[in-house]
Amino acid sequence: MRCDELKTQNAATAKVHGRTGLPIPVAAEFVTPLCAAAVGLFALNNVYLKWAYPSVLTGKLSDFLAAFFLPLFISGLLHVVGLKRHRLRLMTGVFLIAVLFVLVKTHTGVSPILDATLTAVTAPLGVALVSNTVDPTDLMALVMLPVAFGYGAYQLKKYGECL
């Protein structure tokens, strides 16, 4: 279905999948098997692999995974709170994660704030995490941001959403 055709449909019709008639899922860009796998591997890496097999690989893996799924999570969260403009949601997610990632990976004053926040969330669950390392070479993971945007756009387009 073309975007201009979708825009001309009435509101009730525009809320269903153009090909199957099924409702468009909330946060369709994030609620996917690939994002679930990325989040699961991220959790496994941060809770177990970094402790059992500390290396450059386990350190960079978390960065690349987070740079992929966090923009999609932010975009999905914006959808849940009512922002319906899909391109704006995806771009906001990418922009916010880019800024936060650069700050956390390059400024020694920001890293302890991240560590304290994550500890406050995970300690009650009995989970100990490896502290964030300020390492500008981790910025190479930012190459995942356009990948995340493209994947999110693809997921939304599957449901007939216009970007």
C-alpha atoms as a PDB file:
ATOM      1  CA  MET A   1       0.000   0.000   0.000  1.00  0.00           C
ATOM      2  CA  ARG A   2       1.377   3.407  -0.971  1.00  0.00           C
ATOM      3  CA  CYS A   3       1.665   6.119   1.670  1.00  0.00           C
ATOM      4  CA  ASP A   4      -0.501   8.584  -0.230  1.00  0.00           C
ATOM      5  CA  GLU A   5      -3.251   5.954  -0.465  1.00  0.00           C
ATOM      6  CA  LEU A   6      -2.976   5.214   3.242  1.00  0.00           C
ATOM      7  CA  LYS A   7      -3.234   8.914   4.106  1.00  0.00           C
ATOM      8  CA  THR A   8      -6.466   9.263   2.133  1.00  0.00           C
ATOM      9  CA  GLN A   9      -8.213   6.432   3.959  1.00  0.00           C
ATOM     10  CA  ASN A  10     -10.485   7.244   6.847  1.00  0.00           C
ATOM     11  CA  ALA A  11      -9.136   6.964  10.414  1.00  0.00           C
ATOM     12  CA  ALA A  12     -10.775   3.612  11.133  1.00  0.00           C
ATOM     13  CA  THR A  13      -9.321   1.979   8.040  1.00  0.00           C
ATOM     14  CA  ALA A  14      -5.875   3.515   8.527  1.00  0.00           C
ATOM     15  CA  LYS A  15      -5.500   1.782  11.874  1.00  0.00           C
ATOM     16  CA  VAL A  16      -5.421  -1.705  10.388  1.00  0.00           C
ATOM     17  CA  HIS A  17      -2.768  -3.499   8.419  1.00  0.00           C
ATOM     18  CA  GLY A  18      -3.219  -2.650   4.758  1.00  0.00           C
ATOM     19  CA  ARG A  19      -2.790  -6.237   3.564  1.00  0.00           C
ATOM     20  CA  THR A  20      -4.284  -8.431   6.264  1.00  0.00           C
ATOM     21  CA  GLY A  21      -6.774  -6.172   8.024  1.00  0.00           C
ATOM     22  CA  LEU A  22      -5.130  -6.965  11.373  1.00  0.00           C
ATOM     23  CA  PRO A  23      -4.624  -4.149  13.884  1.00  0.00           C
ATOM     24  CA  ILE A  24      -1.214  -2.459  13.777  1.00  0.00           C
ATOM     25  CA  PRO A  25       0.679  -3.550  16.891  1.00  0.00           C
ATOM     26  CA  VAL A  26       1.753  -0.920  19.374  1.00  0.00           C
ATOM     27  CA  ALA A  27       5.519  -0.344  19.137  1.00  0.00           C
ATOM     28  CA  ALA A  28       5.755  -2.613  16.091  1.00  0.00           C
ATOM     29  CA  GLU A  29       9.303  -1.421  15.463  1.00  0.00           C
ATOM     30  CA  PHE A  30      10.477  -2.810  18.825  1.00  0.00           C
ATOM     31  CA  VAL A  31       8.250  -5.799  19.518  1.00  0.00           C
ATOM     32  CA  THR A  32       9.956  -8.172  17.082  1.00  0.00           C
ATOM     33  CA  PRO A  33      11.907 -11.422  17.369  1.00  0.00           C
ATOM     34  CA  LEU A  34      15.134  -9.675  16.335  1.00  0.00           C
ATOM     35  CA  CYS A  35      14.803  -7.028  19.058  1.00  0.00           C
ATOM     36  CA  ALA A  36      13.927  -9.710  21.613  1.00  0.00           C
ATOM     37  CA  ALA A  37      17.052 -11.634  20.632  1.00  0.00           C
ATOM     38  CA  ALA A  38      19.169  -8.456  20.858  1.00  0.00           C
ATOM     39  CA  VAL A  39      17.805  -7.633  24.327  1.00  0.00           C
ATOM     40  CA  GLY A  40      18.300 -11.243  25.476  1.00  0.00           C
ATOM     41  CA  LEU A  41      21.875 -11.378  24.227  1.00  0.00           C
ATOM     42  CA  PHE A  42      22.559  -7.967  25.771  1.00  0.00           C
ATOM     43  CA  ALA A  43      21.292  -9.214  29.142  1.00  0.00           C
ATOM     44  CA  LEU A  44      23.252 -12.475  28.890  1.00  0.00           C
ATOM     45  CA  ASN A  45      26.395 -10.581  27.931  1.00  0.00           C
ATOM     46  CA  ASN A  46      26.105  -8.037  30.755  1.00  0.00           C
ATOM     47  CA  VAL A  47      25.086 -10.460  33.480  1.00  0.00           C
ATOM     48  CA  TYR A  48      27.242 -13.480  32.613  1.00  0.00           C
ATOM     49  CA  LEU A  49      29.582 -13.283  29.629  1.00  0.00           C
ATOM     50  CA  LYS A  50      31.438 -10.137  30.690  1.00  0.00           C
ATOM     51  CA  TRP A  51      32.221 -11.779  34.045  1.00  0.00           C
ATOM     52  CA  ALA A  52      33.059 -15.237  32.707  1.00  0.00           C
ATOM     53  CA  TYR A  53      34.891 -14.170  29.543  1.00  0.00           C
ATOM     54  CA  PRO A  54      36.113 -10.581  29.906  1.00  0.00           C
ATOM     55  CA  SER A  55      37.406  -9.392  26.555  1.00  0.00           C
ATOM     56  CA  VAL A  56      37.132  -6.718  23.938  1.00  0.00           C
ATOM     57  CA  LEU A  57      34.425  -8.811  22.247  1.00  0.00           C
ATOM     58  CA  THR A  58      32.107  -8.931  25.257  1.00  0.00           C
ATOM     59  CA  GLY A  59      32.684  -5.236  25.866  1.00  0.00           C
ATOM     60  CA  LYS A  60      31.889  -4.144  22.322  1.00  0.00           C
ATOM     61  CA  LEU A  61      29.010  -6.607  21.914  1.00  0.00           C
ATOM     62  CA  SER A  62      26.919  -4.755  24.494  1.00  0.00           C
ATOM     63  CA  ASP A  63      27.598  -1.439  22.794  1.00  0.00           C
ATOM     64  CA  PHE A  64      26.530  -2.684  19.372  1.00  0.00           C
ATOM     65  CA  LEU A  65      23.416  -4.408  20.713  1.00  0.00           C
ATOM     66  CA  ALA A  66      22.356  -1.370  22.764  1.00  0.00           C
ATOM     67  CA  ALA A  67      22.899   0.968  19.812  1.00  0.00           C
ATOM     68  CA  PHE A  68      20.544  -1.265  17.825  1.00  0.00           C
ATOM     69  CA  PHE A  69      17.636  -1.901  20.187  1.00  0.00           C
ATOM     70  CA  LEU A  70      17.557   1.204  22.409  1.00  0.00           C
ATOM     71  CA  PRO A  71      16.480   3.631  19.630  1.00  0.00           C
ATOM     72  CA  LEU A  72      13.700   1.198  18.727  1.00  0.00           C
ATOM     73  CA  PHE A  73      12.689   0.934  22.386  1.00  0.00           C
ATOM     74  CA  ILE A  74      12.531   4.739  22.682  1.00  0.00           C
ATOM     75  CA  SER A  75      10.504   4.924  19.466  1.00  0.00           C
ATOM     76  CA  GLY A  76       8.110   2.257  20.728  1.00  0.00           C
ATOM     77  CA  LEU A  77       7.808   4.017  24.077  1.00  0.00           C
ATOM     78  CA  LEU A  78       6.942   7.262  22.294  1.00  0.00           C
ATOM     79  CA  HIS A  79       4.240   5.358  20.402  1.00  0.00           C
ATOM     80  CA  VAL A  80       2.803   4.034  23.662  1.00  0.00           C
ATOM     81  CA  VAL A  81       2.592   7.560  25.117  1.00  0.00           C
ATOM     82  CA  GLY A  82       0.778   8.820  22.042  1.00  0.00           C
ATOM     83  CA  LEU A  83       3.265  10.074  19.454  1.00  0.00           C
ATOM     84  CA  LYS A  84       1.951   8.712  16.162  1.00  0.00           C
ATOM     85  CA  ARG A  85       4.401  10.327  13.738  1.00  0.00           C
ATOM     86  CA  HIS A  86       6.571   7.328  12.922  1.00  0.00           C
ATOM     87  CA  ARG A  87       9.535   9.075  11.322  1.00  0.00           C
ATOM     88  CA  LEU A  88       9.709  11.542  14.218  1.00  0.00           C
ATOM     89  CA  ARG A  89       9.594   8.684  16.736  1.00  0.00           C
ATOM     90  CA  LEU A  90      12.416   6.794  15.041  1.00  0.00           C
ATOM     91  CA  MET A  91      14.539   9.900  14.571  1.00  0.00           C
ATOM     92  CA  THR A  92      13.999  10.914  18.215  1.00  0.00           C
ATOM     93  CA  GLY A  93      15.066   7.467  19.407  1.00  0.00           C
ATOM     94  CA  VAL A  94      18.200   7.542  17.267  1.00  0.00           C
ATOM     95  CA  PHE A  95      19.077  11.104  18.307  1.00  0.00           C
ATOM     96  CA  LEU A  96      18.567  10.516  22.044  1.00  0.00           C
ATOM     97  CA  ILE A  97      20.615   7.322  22.073  1.00  0.00           C
ATOM     98  CA  ALA A  98      23.380   8.959  20.003  1.00  0.00           C
ATOM     99  CA  VAL A  99      23.666  11.844  22.470  1.00  0.00           C
ATOM    100  CA  LEU A 100      23.492   9.611  25.552  1.00  0.00           C
ATOM    101  CA  PHE A 101      25.946   7.123  24.087  1.00  0.00           C
ATOM    102  CA  VAL A 102      28.497   9.822  23.267  1.00  0.00           C
ATOM    103  CA  LEU A 103      28.169  11.318  26.748  1.00  0.00           C
ATOM    104  CA  VAL A 104      28.472   7.971  28.548  1.00  0.00           C
ATOM    105  CA  LYS A 105      31.411   6.800  26.454  1.00  0.00           C
ATOM    106  CA  THR A 106      33.445  10.020  26.439  1.00  0.00           C
ATOM    107  CA  HIS A 107      32.762  11.916  29.693  1.00  0.00           C
ATOM    108  CA  THR A 108      34.015  10.537  32.988  1.00  0.00           C
ATOM    109  CA  GLY A 109      31.420  12.560  34.923  1.00  0.00           C
ATOM    110  CA  VAL A 110      28.459  10.947  33.165  1.00  0.00           C
ATOM    111  CA  SER A 111      29.520   7.309  33.501  1.00  0.00           C
ATOM    112  CA  PRO A 112      29.051   7.163  37.311  1.00  0.00           C
ATOM    113  CA  ILE A 113      25.503   8.508  36.885  1.00  0.00           C
ATOM    114  CA  LEU A 114      24.726   5.661  34.484  1.00  0.00           C
ATOM    115  CA  ASP A 115      26.296   3.117  36.841  1.00  0.00           C
ATOM    116  CA  ALA A 116      24.314   4.426  39.837  1.00  0.00           C
ATOM    117  CA  THR A 117      21.069   4.390  37.861  1.00  0.00           C
ATOM    118  CA  LEU A 118      21.589   0.839  36.598  1.00  0.00           C
ATOM    119  CA  THR A 119      22.627  -0.375  40.046  1.00  0.00           C
ATOM    120  CA  ALA A 120      19.478   1.129  41.573  1.00  0.00           C
ATOM    121  CA  VAL A 121      17.394  -0.816  39.057  1.00  0.00           C
ATOM    122  CA  THR A 122      19.269  -4.131  39.035  1.00  0.00           C
ATOM    123  CA  ALA A 123      20.472  -4.505  42.659  1.00  0.00           C
ATOM    124  CA  PRO A 124      16.976  -5.231  44.039  1.00  0.00           C
ATOM    125  CA  LEU A 125      16.766  -8.026  41.476  1.00  0.00           C
ATOM    126  CA  GLY A 126      20.024  -9.515  42.749  1.00  0.00           C
ATOM    127  CA  VAL A 127      21.836  -8.731  39.519  1.00  0.00           C
ATOM    128  CA  ALA A 128      25.356  -7.302  39.562  1.00  0.00           C
ATOM    129  CA  LEU A 129      26.552  -5.562  36.437  1.00  0.00           C
ATOM    130  CA  VAL A 130      29.989  -4.614  35.180  1.00  0.00           C
ATOM    131  CA  SER A 131      30.499  -0.851  35.457  1.00  0.00           C
ATOM    132  CA  ASN A 132      30.429   1.238  32.319  1.00  0.00           C
ATOM    133  CA  THR A 133      33.863   1.922  30.877  1.00  0.00           C
ATOM    134  CA  VAL A 134      34.529   5.337  29.405  1.00  0.00           C
ATOM    135  CA  ASP A 135      36.100   4.369  26.103  1.00  0.00           C
ATOM    136  CA  PRO A 136      35.832   6.561  23.009  1.00  0.00           C
ATOM    137  CA  THR A 137      36.557   3.535  20.792  1.00  0.00           C
ATOM    138  CA  ASP A 138      33.093   2.280  21.780  1.00  0.00           C
ATOM    139  CA  LEU A 139      31.700   5.048  19.588  1.00  0.00           C
ATOM    140  CA  MET A 140      32.209   2.713  16.629  1.00  0.00           C
ATOM    141  CA  ALA A 141      28.927   1.111  17.730  1.00  0.00           C
ATOM    142  CA  LEU A 142      27.128   4.231  16.526  1.00  0.00           C
ATOM    143  CA  VAL A 143      27.148   2.608  13.076  1.00  0.00           C
ATOM    144  CA  MET A 144      24.188   0.601  14.389  1.00  0.00           C
ATOM    145  CA  LEU A 145      21.977   3.696  14.638  1.00  0.00           C
ATOM    146  CA  PRO A 146      21.177   3.895  10.904  1.00  0.00           C
ATOM    147  CA  VAL A 147      20.655   0.133  10.970  1.00  0.00           C
ATOM    148  CA  ALA A 148      18.155   0.565  13.807  1.00  0.00           C
ATOM    149  CA  PHE A 149      16.381   3.355  11.924  1.00  0.00           C
ATOM    150  CA  GLY A 150      16.173   1.278   8.751  1.00  0.00           C
ATOM    151  CA  TYR A 151      14.948  -1.787  10.628  1.00  0.00           C
ATOM    152  CA  GLY A 152      12.321   0.256  12.467  1.00  0.00           C
ATOM    153  CA  ALA A 153      11.152   1.850   9.221  1.00  0.00           C
ATOM    154  CA  TYR A 154      10.954  -1.592   7.586  1.00  0.00           C
ATOM    155  CA  GLN A 155       8.905  -2.993  10.481  1.00  0.00           C
ATOM    156  CA  LEU A 156       6.469  -0.086  10.350  1.00  0.00           C
ATOM    157  CA  LYS A 157       6.185  -0.245   6.580  1.00  0.00           C
ATOM    158  CA  LYS A 158       5.155  -3.901   6.853  1.00  0.00           C
ATOM    159  CA  TYR A 159       2.012  -2.630   8.567  1.00  0.00           C
ATOM    160  CA  GLY A 160       1.341   0.047   5.982  1.00  0.00           C
ATOM    161  CA  GLU A 161       2.711   2.896   8.097  1.00  0.00           C
ATOM    162  CA  CYS A 162       4.039   5.921   6.261  1.00  0.00           C
ATOM    163  CA  LEU A 163       7.380   7.437   7.144  1.00  0.00           C
END
